[in-house]
Amino acid sequence: MDIKTLTEEVEKISQKYTTLFKIKRDGDWYVLKLQEELGELIQSYLMITERARTKEKSKEEMTKDFEKELADVFCHVLLLSKFYKIDLEKAVEEKWLSWNKK
């Protein structure tokens, strides 16, 4: 699946979520939600690296949580880029992949 198609699928889920919980999405919401998800990713990272309490979770459960939180961060980056009409593929190409041409 390409990034644009994935973004559209993620947007559909986000619309369902915000409708269900009566959330108004604006520029602040997208950035702050990304920050919230990043915090959850960091918490799960600290757990799998044994720098935070494990909440009685197994290593496998903590690893799965880390994967899910990483997915949340990724999806919220997609949503943020869509909201601000940023062509993420183009931005990555210009910022990162241009190094391959040097």
PDB file of N, CA and C in Angstrom:
ATOM      1  N   MET A   1       0.843  -1.176   0.000  1.00  0.00           N
ATOM      2  CA  MET A   1       0.000   0.000   0.000  1.00  0.00           C
ATOM      3  C   MET A   1       0.891   1.243   0.000  1.00  0.00           C
ATOM      4  N   ASP A   2       0.561   2.214  -0.824  1.00  0.00           N
ATOM      5  CA  ASP A   2       1.367   3.432  -0.853  1.00  0.00           C
ATOM      6  C   ASP A   2       0.929   4.397   0.254  1.00  0.00           C
ATOM      7  N   ILE A   3       1.736   5.406   0.487  1.00  0.00           N
ATOM      8  CA  ILE A   3       1.501   6.344   1.590  1.00  0.00           C
ATOM      9  C   ILE A   3       0.173   7.086   1.440  1.00  0.00           C
ATOM     10  N   LYS A   4      -0.158   7.507   0.232  1.00  0.00           N
ATOM     11  CA  LYS A   4      -1.402   8.269   0.035  1.00  0.00           C
ATOM     12  C   LYS A   4      -2.624   7.407   0.348  1.00  0.00           C
ATOM     13  N   THR A   5      -2.625   6.180  -0.102  1.00  0.00           N
ATOM     14  CA  THR A   5      -3.738   5.276   0.182  1.00  0.00           C
ATOM     15  C   THR A   5      -3.807   4.976   1.677  1.00  0.00           C
ATOM     16  N   LEU A   6      -2.672   4.717   2.269  1.00  0.00           N
ATOM     17  CA  LEU A   6      -2.627   4.458   3.706  1.00  0.00           C
ATOM     18  C   LEU A   6      -3.154   5.659   4.484  1.00  0.00           C
ATOM     19  N   THR A   7      -2.752   6.854   4.078  1.00  0.00           N
ATOM     20  CA  THR A   7      -3.216   8.068   4.745  1.00  0.00           C
ATOM     21  C   THR A   7      -4.728   8.184   4.675  1.00  0.00           C
ATOM     22  N   GLU A   8      -5.307   7.886   3.532  1.00  0.00           N
ATOM     23  CA  GLU A   8      -6.768   7.955   3.381  1.00  0.00           C
ATOM     24  C   GLU A   8      -7.463   6.942   4.299  1.00  0.00           C
ATOM     25  N   GLU A   9      -6.901   5.763   4.413  1.00  0.00           N
ATOM     26  CA  GLU A   9      -7.476   4.742   5.304  1.00  0.00           C
ATOM     27  C   GLU A   9      -7.375   5.178   6.768  1.00  0.00           C
ATOM     28  N   VAL A  10      -6.241   5.734   7.135  1.00  0.00           N
ATOM     29  CA  VAL A  10      -6.041   6.222   8.504  1.00  0.00           C
ATOM     30  C   VAL A  10      -7.004   7.374   8.782  1.00  0.00           C
ATOM     31  N   GLU A  11      -7.196   8.243   7.803  1.00  0.00           N
ATOM     32  CA  GLU A  11      -8.130   9.373   7.955  1.00  0.00           C
ATOM     33  C   GLU A  11      -9.546   8.878   8.234  1.00  0.00           C
ATOM     34  N   LYS A  12      -9.971   7.835   7.558  1.00  0.00           N
ATOM     35  CA  LYS A  12     -11.313   7.281   7.790  1.00  0.00           C
ATOM     36  C   LYS A  12     -11.472   6.833   9.245  1.00  0.00           C
ATOM     37  N   ILE A  13     -10.453   6.174   9.758  1.00  0.00           N
ATOM     38  CA  ILE A  13     -10.488   5.708  11.150  1.00  0.00           C
ATOM     39  C   ILE A  13     -10.503   6.901  12.095  1.00  0.00           C
ATOM     40  N   SER A  14      -9.688   7.901  11.813  1.00  0.00           N
ATOM     41  CA  SER A  14      -9.629   9.088  12.655  1.00  0.00           C
ATOM     42  C   SER A  14     -10.971   9.813  12.674  1.00  0.00           C
ATOM     43  N   GLN A  15     -11.629   9.879  11.539  1.00  0.00           N
ATOM     44  CA  GLN A  15     -12.954  10.505  11.480  1.00  0.00           C
ATOM     45  C   GLN A  15     -13.950   9.747  12.355  1.00  0.00           C
ATOM     46  N   LYS A  16     -13.911   8.426  12.297  1.00  0.00           N
ATOM     47  CA  LYS A  16     -14.801   7.615  13.146  1.00  0.00           C
ATOM     48  C   LYS A  16     -14.527   7.899  14.628  1.00  0.00           C
ATOM     49  N   TYR A  17     -13.249   7.931  14.983  1.00  0.00           N
ATOM     50  CA  TYR A  17     -12.819   8.159  16.365  1.00  0.00           C
ATOM     51  C   TYR A  17     -13.298   9.519  16.857  1.00  0.00           C
ATOM     52  N   THR A  18     -13.056  10.553  16.058  1.00  0.00           N
ATOM     53  CA  THR A  18     -13.424  11.896  16.502  1.00  0.00           C
ATOM     54  C   THR A  18     -14.938  12.095  16.523  1.00  0.00           C
ATOM     55  N   THR A  19     -15.652  11.419  15.654  1.00  0.00           N
ATOM     56  CA  THR A  19     -17.114  11.482  15.686  1.00  0.00           C
ATOM     57  C   THR A  19     -17.636  10.778  16.936  1.00  0.00           C
ATOM     58  N   LEU A  20     -17.118   9.599  17.200  1.00  0.00           N
ATOM     59  CA  LEU A  20     -17.544   8.815  18.358  1.00  0.00           C
ATOM     60  C   LEU A  20     -17.333   9.576  19.663  1.00  0.00           C
ATOM     61  N   PHE A  21     -16.178  10.243  19.780  1.00  0.00           N
ATOM     62  CA  PHE A  21     -15.834  10.928  21.026  1.00  0.00           C
ATOM     63  C   PHE A  21     -16.084  12.439  20.970  1.00  0.00           C
ATOM     64  N   LYS A  22     -16.754  12.891  19.893  1.00  0.00           N
ATOM     65  CA  LYS A  22     -17.127  14.308  19.736  1.00  0.00           C
ATOM     66  C   LYS A  22     -15.916  15.237  19.885  1.00  0.00           C
ATOM     67  N   ILE A  23     -14.869  14.924  19.140  1.00  0.00           N
ATOM     68  CA  ILE A  23     -13.632  15.693  19.184  1.00  0.00           C
ATOM     69  C   ILE A  23     -13.558  16.590  17.951  1.00  0.00           C
ATOM     70  N   LYS A  24     -13.226  17.857  18.185  1.00  0.00           N
ATOM     71  CA  LYS A  24     -13.035  18.796  17.084  1.00  0.00           C
ATOM     72  C   LYS A  24     -11.557  18.767  16.696  1.00  0.00           C
ATOM     73  N   ARG A  25     -11.300  18.378  15.463  1.00  0.00           N
ATOM     74  CA  ARG A  25      -9.910  18.328  14.999  1.00  0.00           C
ATOM     75  C   ARG A  25      -9.538  19.668  14.370  1.00  0.00           C
ATOM     76  N   ASP A  26      -8.462  20.243  14.853  1.00  0.00           N
ATOM     77  CA  ASP A  26      -7.896  21.447  14.262  1.00  0.00           C
ATOM     78  C   ASP A  26      -6.379  21.286  14.308  1.00  0.00           C
ATOM     79  N   GLY A  27      -5.656  22.300  13.884  1.00  0.00           N
ATOM     80  CA  GLY A  27      -4.200  22.190  13.857  1.00  0.00           C
ATOM     81  C   GLY A  27      -3.605  21.802  15.199  1.00  0.00           C
ATOM     82  N   ASP A  28      -4.117  22.397  16.258  1.00  0.00           N
ATOM     83  CA  ASP A  28      -3.629  22.061  17.597  1.00  0.00           C
ATOM     84  C   ASP A  28      -3.877  20.593  17.926  1.00  0.00           C
ATOM     85  N   TRP A  29      -5.069  20.105  17.600  1.00  0.00           N
ATOM     86  CA  TRP A  29      -5.397  18.721  17.927  1.00  0.00           C
ATOM     87  C   TRP A  29      -4.405  17.766  17.268  1.00  0.00           C
ATOM     88  N   TYR A  30      -4.110  17.992  15.990  1.00  0.00           N
ATOM     89  CA  TYR A  30      -3.209  17.081  15.279  1.00  0.00           C
ATOM     90  C   TYR A  30      -1.819  17.061  15.919  1.00  0.00           C
ATOM     91  N   VAL A  31      -1.300  18.229  16.260  1.00  0.00           N
ATOM     92  CA  VAL A  31       0.037  18.288  16.860  1.00  0.00           C
ATOM     93  C   VAL A  31       0.022  17.721  18.278  1.00  0.00           C
ATOM     94  N   LEU A  32      -0.973  18.105  19.051  1.00  0.00           N
ATOM     95  CA  LEU A  32      -1.030  17.638  20.442  1.00  0.00           C
ATOM     96  C   LEU A  32      -1.310  16.138  20.533  1.00  0.00           C
ATOM     97  N   LYS A  33      -2.129  15.623  19.637  1.00  0.00           N
ATOM     98  CA  LYS A  33      -2.396  14.182  19.619  1.00  0.00           C
ATOM     99  C   LYS A  33      -1.119  13.417  19.251  1.00  0.00           C
ATOM    100  N   LEU A  34      -0.359  13.956  18.316  1.00  0.00           N
ATOM    101  CA  LEU A  34       0.923  13.341  17.967  1.00  0.00           C
ATOM    102  C   LEU A  34       1.843  13.333  19.190  1.00  0.00           C
ATOM    103  N   GLN A  35       1.875  14.431  19.922  1.00  0.00           N
ATOM    104  CA  GLN A  35       2.699  14.512  21.128  1.00  0.00           C
ATOM    105  C   GLN A  35       2.254  13.488  22.167  1.00  0.00           C
ATOM    106  N   GLU A  36       0.946  13.335  22.328  1.00  0.00           N
ATOM    107  CA  GLU A  36       0.418  12.345  23.258  1.00  0.00           C
ATOM    108  C   GLU A  36       0.873  10.942  22.869  1.00  0.00           C
ATOM    109  N   GLU A  37       0.749  10.629  21.597  1.00  0.00           N
ATOM    110  CA  GLU A  37       1.148   9.300  21.125  1.00  0.00           C
ATOM    111  C   GLU A  37       2.654   9.091  21.262  1.00  0.00           C
ATOM    112  N   LEU A  38       3.429  10.130  21.031  1.00  0.00           N
ATOM    113  CA  LEU A  38       4.877  10.025  21.205  1.00  0.00           C
ATOM    114  C   LEU A  38       5.226   9.741  22.669  1.00  0.00           C
ATOM    115  N   GLY A  39       4.490  10.368  23.579  1.00  0.00           N
ATOM    116  CA  GLY A  39       4.691  10.098  25.003  1.00  0.00           C
ATOM    117  C   GLY A  39       4.414   8.638  25.342  1.00  0.00           C
ATOM    118  N   GLU A  40       3.358   8.090  24.750  1.00  0.00           N
ATOM    119  CA  GLU A  40       3.031   6.680  24.987  1.00  0.00           C
ATOM    120  C   GLU A  40       4.094   5.762  24.389  1.00  0.00           C
ATOM    121  N   LEU A  41       4.643   6.147  23.242  1.00  0.00           N
ATOM    122  CA  LEU A  41       5.727   5.375  22.637  1.00  0.00           C
ATOM    123  C   LEU A  41       6.955   5.385  23.546  1.00  0.00           C
ATOM    124  N   ILE A  42       7.269   6.535  24.077  1.00  0.00           N
ATOM    125  CA  ILE A  42       8.432   6.650  24.966  1.00  0.00           C
ATOM    126  C   ILE A  42       8.217   5.826  26.232  1.00  0.00           C
ATOM    127  N   GLN A  43       7.006   5.870  26.773  1.00  0.00           N
ATOM    128  CA  GLN A  43       6.719   5.061  27.962  1.00  0.00           C
ATOM    129  C   GLN A  43       6.928   3.573  27.669  1.00  0.00           C
ATOM    130  N   SER A  44       6.429   3.107  26.533  1.00  0.00           N
ATOM    131  CA  SER A  44       6.593   1.683  26.213  1.00  0.00           C
ATOM    132  C   SER A  44       8.061   1.359  25.935  1.00  0.00           C
ATOM    133  N   TYR A  45       8.796   2.291  25.350  1.00  0.00           N
ATOM    134  CA  TYR A  45      10.233   2.086  25.121  1.00  0.00           C
ATOM    135  C   TYR A  45      10.966   1.945  26.453  1.00  0.00           C
ATOM    136  N   LEU A  46      10.641   2.813  27.383  1.00  0.00           N
ATOM    137  CA  LEU A  46      11.281   2.729  28.697  1.00  0.00           C
ATOM    138  C   LEU A  46      10.984   1.395  29.374  1.00  0.00           C
ATOM    139  N   MET A  47       9.784   0.883  29.173  1.00  0.00           N
ATOM    140  CA  MET A  47       9.429  -0.409  29.761  1.00  0.00           C
ATOM    141  C   MET A  47      10.239  -1.540  29.137  1.00  0.00           C
ATOM    142  N   ILE A  48      10.350  -1.576  27.803  1.00  0.00           N
ATOM    143  CA  ILE A  48      11.073  -2.696  27.179  1.00  0.00           C
ATOM    144  C   ILE A  48      12.578  -2.601  27.379  1.00  0.00           C
ATOM    145  N   THR A  49      13.071  -1.405  27.724  1.00  0.00           N
ATOM    146  CA  THR A  49      14.505  -1.254  27.987  1.00  0.00           C
ATOM    147  C   THR A  49      14.807  -1.266  29.482  1.00  0.00           C
ATOM    148  N   GLU A  50      13.800  -1.682  30.258  1.00  0.00           N
ATOM    149  CA  GLU A  50      13.935  -1.866  31.704  1.00  0.00           C
ATOM    150  C   GLU A  50      14.324  -0.586  32.439  1.00  0.00           C
ATOM    151  N   ARG A  51      13.743   0.529  31.996  1.00  0.00           N
ATOM    152  CA  ARG A  51      13.979   1.803  32.672  1.00  0.00           C
ATOM    153  C   ARG A  51      12.688   2.392  33.228  1.00  0.00           C
ATOM    154  N   ALA A  52      11.647   1.579  33.246  1.00  0.00           N
ATOM    155  CA  ALA A  52      10.366   1.973  33.830  1.00  0.00           C
ATOM    156  C   ALA A  52       9.690   0.713  34.338  1.00  0.00           C
ATOM    157  N   ARG A  53       8.716   0.887  35.197  1.00  0.00           N
ATOM    158  CA  ARG A  53       8.014  -0.291  35.722  1.00  0.00           C
ATOM    159  C   ARG A  53       7.283  -0.996  34.581  1.00  0.00           C
ATOM    160  N   THR A  54       7.223  -2.283  34.696  1.00  0.00           N
ATOM    161  CA  THR A  54       6.673  -3.095  33.604  1.00  0.00           C
ATOM    162  C   THR A  54       5.173  -3.327  33.717  1.00  0.00           C
ATOM    163  N   LYS A  55       4.560  -2.898  34.812  1.00  0.00           N
ATOM    164  CA  LYS A  55       3.123  -3.082  35.021  1.00  0.00           C
ATOM    165  C   LYS A  55       2.737  -4.559  34.907  1.00  0.00           C
ATOM    166  N   GLU A  56       3.670  -5.409  35.314  1.00  0.00           N
ATOM    167  CA  GLU A  56       3.479  -6.869  35.306  1.00  0.00           C
ATOM    168  C   GLU A  56       3.243  -7.447  33.915  1.00  0.00           C
ATOM    169  N   LYS A  57       3.737  -6.764  32.911  1.00  0.00           N
ATOM    170  CA  LYS A  57       3.612  -7.264  31.538  1.00  0.00           C
ATOM    171  C   LYS A  57       4.832  -8.103  31.187  1.00  0.00           C
ATOM    172  N   SER A  58       4.617  -9.085  30.338  1.00  0.00           N
ATOM    173  CA  SER A  58       5.732  -9.907  29.857  1.00  0.00           C
ATOM    174  C   SER A  58       6.531  -9.108  28.827  1.00  0.00           C
ATOM    175  N   LYS A  59       7.717  -9.591  28.525  1.00  0.00           N
ATOM    176  CA  LYS A  59       8.545  -8.958  27.502  1.00  0.00           C
ATOM    177  C   LYS A  59       7.802  -8.920  26.161  1.00  0.00           C
ATOM    178  N   GLU A  60       7.095  -9.990  25.843  1.00  0.00           N
ATOM    179  CA  GLU A  60       6.336 -10.056  24.590  1.00  0.00           C
ATOM    180  C   GLU A  60       5.211  -9.022  24.564  1.00  0.00           C
ATOM    181  N   GLU A  61       4.505  -8.875  25.684  1.00  0.00           N
ATOM    182  CA  GLU A  61       3.423  -7.879  25.764  1.00  0.00           C
ATOM    183  C   GLU A  61       3.979  -6.462  25.625  1.00  0.00           C
ATOM    184  N   MET A  62       5.096  -6.213  26.276  1.00  0.00           N
ATOM    185  CA  MET A  62       5.700  -4.879  26.190  1.00  0.00           C
ATOM    186  C   MET A  62       6.187  -4.588  24.770  1.00  0.00           C
ATOM    187  N   THR A  63       6.750  -5.595  24.117  1.00  0.00           N
ATOM    188  CA  THR A  63       7.207  -5.422  22.737  1.00  0.00           C
ATOM    189  C   THR A  63       6.025  -5.150  21.817  1.00  0.00           C
ATOM    190  N   LYS A  64       4.943  -5.870  22.013  1.00  0.00           N
ATOM    191  CA  LYS A  64       3.732  -5.658  21.206  1.00  0.00           C
ATOM    192  C   LYS A  64       3.175  -4.253  21.440  1.00  0.00           C
ATOM    193  N   ASP A  65       3.173  -3.809  22.690  1.00  0.00           N
ATOM    194  CA  ASP A  65       2.725  -2.448  23.006  1.00  0.00           C
ATOM    195  C   ASP A  65       3.601  -1.411  22.296  1.00  0.00           C
ATOM    196  N   PHE A  66       4.909  -1.643  22.300  1.00  0.00           N
ATOM    197  CA  PHE A  66       5.840  -0.732  21.628  1.00  0.00           C
ATOM    198  C   PHE A  66       5.509  -0.652  20.136  1.00  0.00           C
ATOM    199  N   GLU A  67       5.261  -1.789  19.520  1.00  0.00           N
ATOM    200  CA  GLU A  67       4.906  -1.815  18.096  1.00  0.00           C
ATOM    201  C   GLU A  67       3.619  -1.033  17.836  1.00  0.00           C
ATOM    202  N   LYS A  68       2.633  -1.210  18.706  1.00  0.00           N
ATOM    203  CA  LYS A  68       1.358  -0.509  18.543  1.00  0.00           C
ATOM    204  C   LYS A  68       1.524   0.998  18.709  1.00  0.00           C
ATOM    205  N   GLU A  69       2.331   1.398  19.677  1.00  0.00           N
ATOM    206  CA  GLU A  69       2.552   2.829  19.899  1.00  0.00           C
ATOM    207  C   GLU A  69       3.325   3.451  18.739  1.00  0.00           C
ATOM    208  N   LEU A  70       4.261   2.701  18.169  1.00  0.00           N
ATOM    209  CA  LEU A  70       4.981   3.183  16.998  1.00  0.00           C
ATOM    210  C   LEU A  70       4.014   3.376  15.828  1.00  0.00           C
ATOM    211  N   ALA A  71       3.076   2.457  15.681  1.00  0.00           N
ATOM    212  CA  ALA A  71       2.050   2.577  14.642  1.00  0.00           C
ATOM    213  C   ALA A  71       1.184   3.811  14.888  1.00  0.00           C
ATOM    214  N   ASP A  72       0.839   4.070  16.144  1.00  0.00           N
ATOM    215  CA  ASP A  72       0.049   5.261  16.465  1.00  0.00           C
ATOM    216  C   ASP A  72       0.788   6.540  16.063  1.00  0.00           C
ATOM    217  N   VAL A  73       2.064   6.614  16.399  1.00  0.00           N
ATOM    218  CA  VAL A  73       2.856   7.799  16.047  1.00  0.00           C
ATOM    219  C   VAL A  73       2.906   7.958  14.531  1.00  0.00           C
ATOM    220  N   PHE A  74       3.171   6.879  13.832  1.00  0.00           N
ATOM    221  CA  PHE A  74       3.241   6.914  12.372  1.00  0.00           C
ATOM    222  C   PHE A  74       1.922   7.400  11.776  1.00  0.00           C
ATOM    223  N   CYS A  75       0.823   6.858  12.258  1.00  0.00           N
ATOM    224  CA  CYS A  75      -0.490   7.243  11.730  1.00  0.00           C
ATOM    225  C   CYS A  75      -0.810   8.699  12.023  1.00  0.00           C
ATOM    226  N   HIS A  76      -0.409   9.184  13.179  1.00  0.00           N
ATOM    227  CA  HIS A  76      -0.665  10.592  13.489  1.00  0.00           C
ATOM    228  C   HIS A  76       0.241  11.523  12.694  1.00  0.00           C
ATOM    229  N   VAL A  77       1.399  11.066  12.309  1.00  0.00           N
ATOM    230  CA  VAL A  77       2.228  11.851  11.382  1.00  0.00           C
ATOM    231  C   VAL A  77       1.508  11.941  10.033  1.00  0.00           C
ATOM    232  N   LEU A  78       0.939  10.837   9.581  1.00  0.00           N
ATOM    233  CA  LEU A  78       0.177  10.845   8.327  1.00  0.00           C
ATOM    234  C   LEU A  78      -0.999  11.813   8.413  1.00  0.00           C
ATOM    235  N   LEU A  79      -1.730  11.777   9.519  1.00  0.00           N
ATOM    236  CA  LEU A  79      -2.873  12.669   9.690  1.00  0.00           C
ATOM    237  C   LEU A  79      -2.454  14.137   9.717  1.00  0.00           C
ATOM    238  N   LEU A  80      -1.373  14.417  10.403  1.00  0.00           N
ATOM    239  CA  LEU A  80      -0.865  15.790  10.475  1.00  0.00           C
ATOM    240  C   LEU A  80      -0.468  16.293   9.093  1.00  0.00           C
ATOM    241  N   SER A  81       0.204  15.449   8.335  1.00  0.00           N
ATOM    242  CA  SER A  81       0.619  15.859   6.987  1.00  0.00           C
ATOM    243  C   SER A  81      -0.589  16.070   6.089  1.00  0.00           C
ATOM    244  N   LYS A  82      -1.616  15.251   6.245  1.00  0.00           N
ATOM    245  CA  LYS A  82      -2.834  15.418   5.444  1.00  0.00           C
ATOM    246  C   LYS A  82      -3.537  16.726   5.800  1.00  0.00           C
ATOM    247  N   PHE A  83      -3.646  17.005   7.087  1.00  0.00           N
ATOM    248  CA  PHE A  83      -4.323  18.221   7.531  1.00  0.00           C
ATOM    249  C   PHE A  83      -3.657  19.468   6.946  1.00  0.00           C
ATOM    250  N   TYR A  84      -2.327  19.478   6.932  1.00  0.00           N
ATOM    251  CA  TYR A  84      -1.598  20.639   6.423  1.00  0.00           C
ATOM    252  C   TYR A  84      -1.258  20.525   4.940  1.00  0.00           C
ATOM    253  N   LYS A  85      -1.863  19.535   4.281  1.00  0.00           N
ATOM    254  CA  LYS A  85      -1.704  19.337   2.834  1.00  0.00           C
ATOM    255  C   LYS A  85      -0.224  19.244   2.420  1.00  0.00           C
ATOM    256  N   ILE A  86       0.507  18.468   3.191  1.00  0.00           N
ATOM    257  CA  ILE A  86       1.925  18.228   2.906  1.00  0.00           C
ATOM    258  C   ILE A  86       2.045  16.907   2.172  1.00  0.00           C
ATOM    259  N   ASP A  87       2.705  16.947   1.045  1.00  0.00           N
ATOM    260  CA  ASP A  87       2.996  15.725   0.297  1.00  0.00           C
ATOM    261  C   ASP A  87       4.166  15.065   1.004  1.00  0.00           C
ATOM    262  N   LEU A  88       3.853  14.126   1.874  1.00  0.00           N
ATOM    263  CA  LEU A  88       4.869  13.505   2.726  1.00  0.00           C
ATOM    264  C   LEU A  88       5.911  12.751   1.910  1.00  0.00           C
ATOM    265  N   GLU A  89       5.466  12.076   0.856  1.00  0.00           N
ATOM    266  CA  GLU A  89       6.429  11.361   0.010  1.00  0.00           C
ATOM    267  C   GLU A  89       7.433  12.339  -0.602  1.00  0.00           C
ATOM    268  N   LYS A  90       6.945  13.454  -1.092  1.00  0.00           N
ATOM    269  CA  LYS A  90       7.822  14.465  -1.687  1.00  0.00           C
ATOM    270  C   LYS A  90       8.753  15.064  -0.640  1.00  0.00           C
ATOM    271  N   ALA A  91       8.206  15.346   0.542  1.00  0.00           N
ATOM    272  CA  ALA A  91       9.020  15.915   1.615  1.00  0.00           C
ATOM    273  C   ALA A  91      10.141  14.965   2.033  1.00  0.00           C
ATOM    274  N   VAL A  92       9.822  13.678   2.132  1.00  0.00           N
ATOM    275  CA  VAL A  92      10.849  12.683   2.492  1.00  0.00           C
ATOM    276  C   VAL A  92      11.893  12.594   1.388  1.00  0.00           C
ATOM    277  N   GLU A  93      11.423  12.607   0.167  1.00  0.00           N
ATOM    278  CA  GLU A  93      12.344  12.546  -0.963  1.00  0.00           C
ATOM    279  C   GLU A  93      13.319  13.723  -0.939  1.00  0.00           C
ATOM    280  N   GLU A  94      12.787  14.919  -0.711  1.00  0.00           N
ATOM    281  CA  GLU A  94      13.629  16.114  -0.699  1.00  0.00           C
ATOM    282  C   GLU A  94      14.543  16.183   0.520  1.00  0.00           C
ATOM    283  N   LYS A  95      14.039  15.776   1.669  1.00  0.00           N
ATOM    284  CA  LYS A  95      14.808  15.903   2.910  1.00  0.00           C
ATOM    285  C   LYS A  95      15.763  14.730   3.138  1.00  0.00           C
ATOM    286  N   TRP A  96      15.308  13.516   2.899  1.00  0.00           N
ATOM    287  CA  TRP A  96      16.088  12.325   3.211  1.00  0.00           C
ATOM    288  C   TRP A  96      16.721  11.680   1.991  1.00  0.00           C
ATOM    289  N   LEU A  97      15.907  11.373   1.012  1.00  0.00           N
ATOM    290  CA  LEU A  97      16.395  10.584  -0.123  1.00  0.00           C
ATOM    291  C   LEU A  97      17.343  11.361  -1.026  1.00  0.00           C
ATOM    292  N   SER A  98      17.340  12.683  -0.898  1.00  0.00           N
ATOM    293  CA  SER A  98      18.268  13.490  -1.685  1.00  0.00           C
ATOM    294  C   SER A  98      19.717  13.153  -1.319  1.00  0.00           C
ATOM    295  N   TRP A  99      19.922  12.624  -0.132  1.00  0.00           N
ATOM    296  CA  TRP A  99      21.277  12.224   0.295  1.00  0.00           C
ATOM    297  C   TRP A  99      21.823  11.088  -0.593  1.00  0.00           C
ATOM    298  N   ASN A 100      20.938  10.314  -1.184  1.00  0.00           N
ATOM    299  CA  ASN A 100      21.381   9.229  -2.069  1.00  0.00           C
ATOM    300  C   ASN A 100      21.987   9.766  -3.349  1.00  0.00           C
ATOM    301  N   LYS A 101      21.668  11.014  -3.684  1.00  0.00           N
ATOM    302  CA  LYS A 101      22.149  11.602  -4.935  1.00  0.00           C
ATOM    303  C   LYS A 101      23.447  12.370  -4.751  1.00  0.00           C
ATOM    304  N   LYS A 102      23.891  12.498  -3.516  1.00  0.00           N
ATOM    305  CA  LYS A 102      25.120  13.276  -3.226  1.00  0.00           C
ATOM    306  C   LYS A 102      26.344  12.411  -3.327  1.00  0.00           C
TER     307      LYS A 102
END
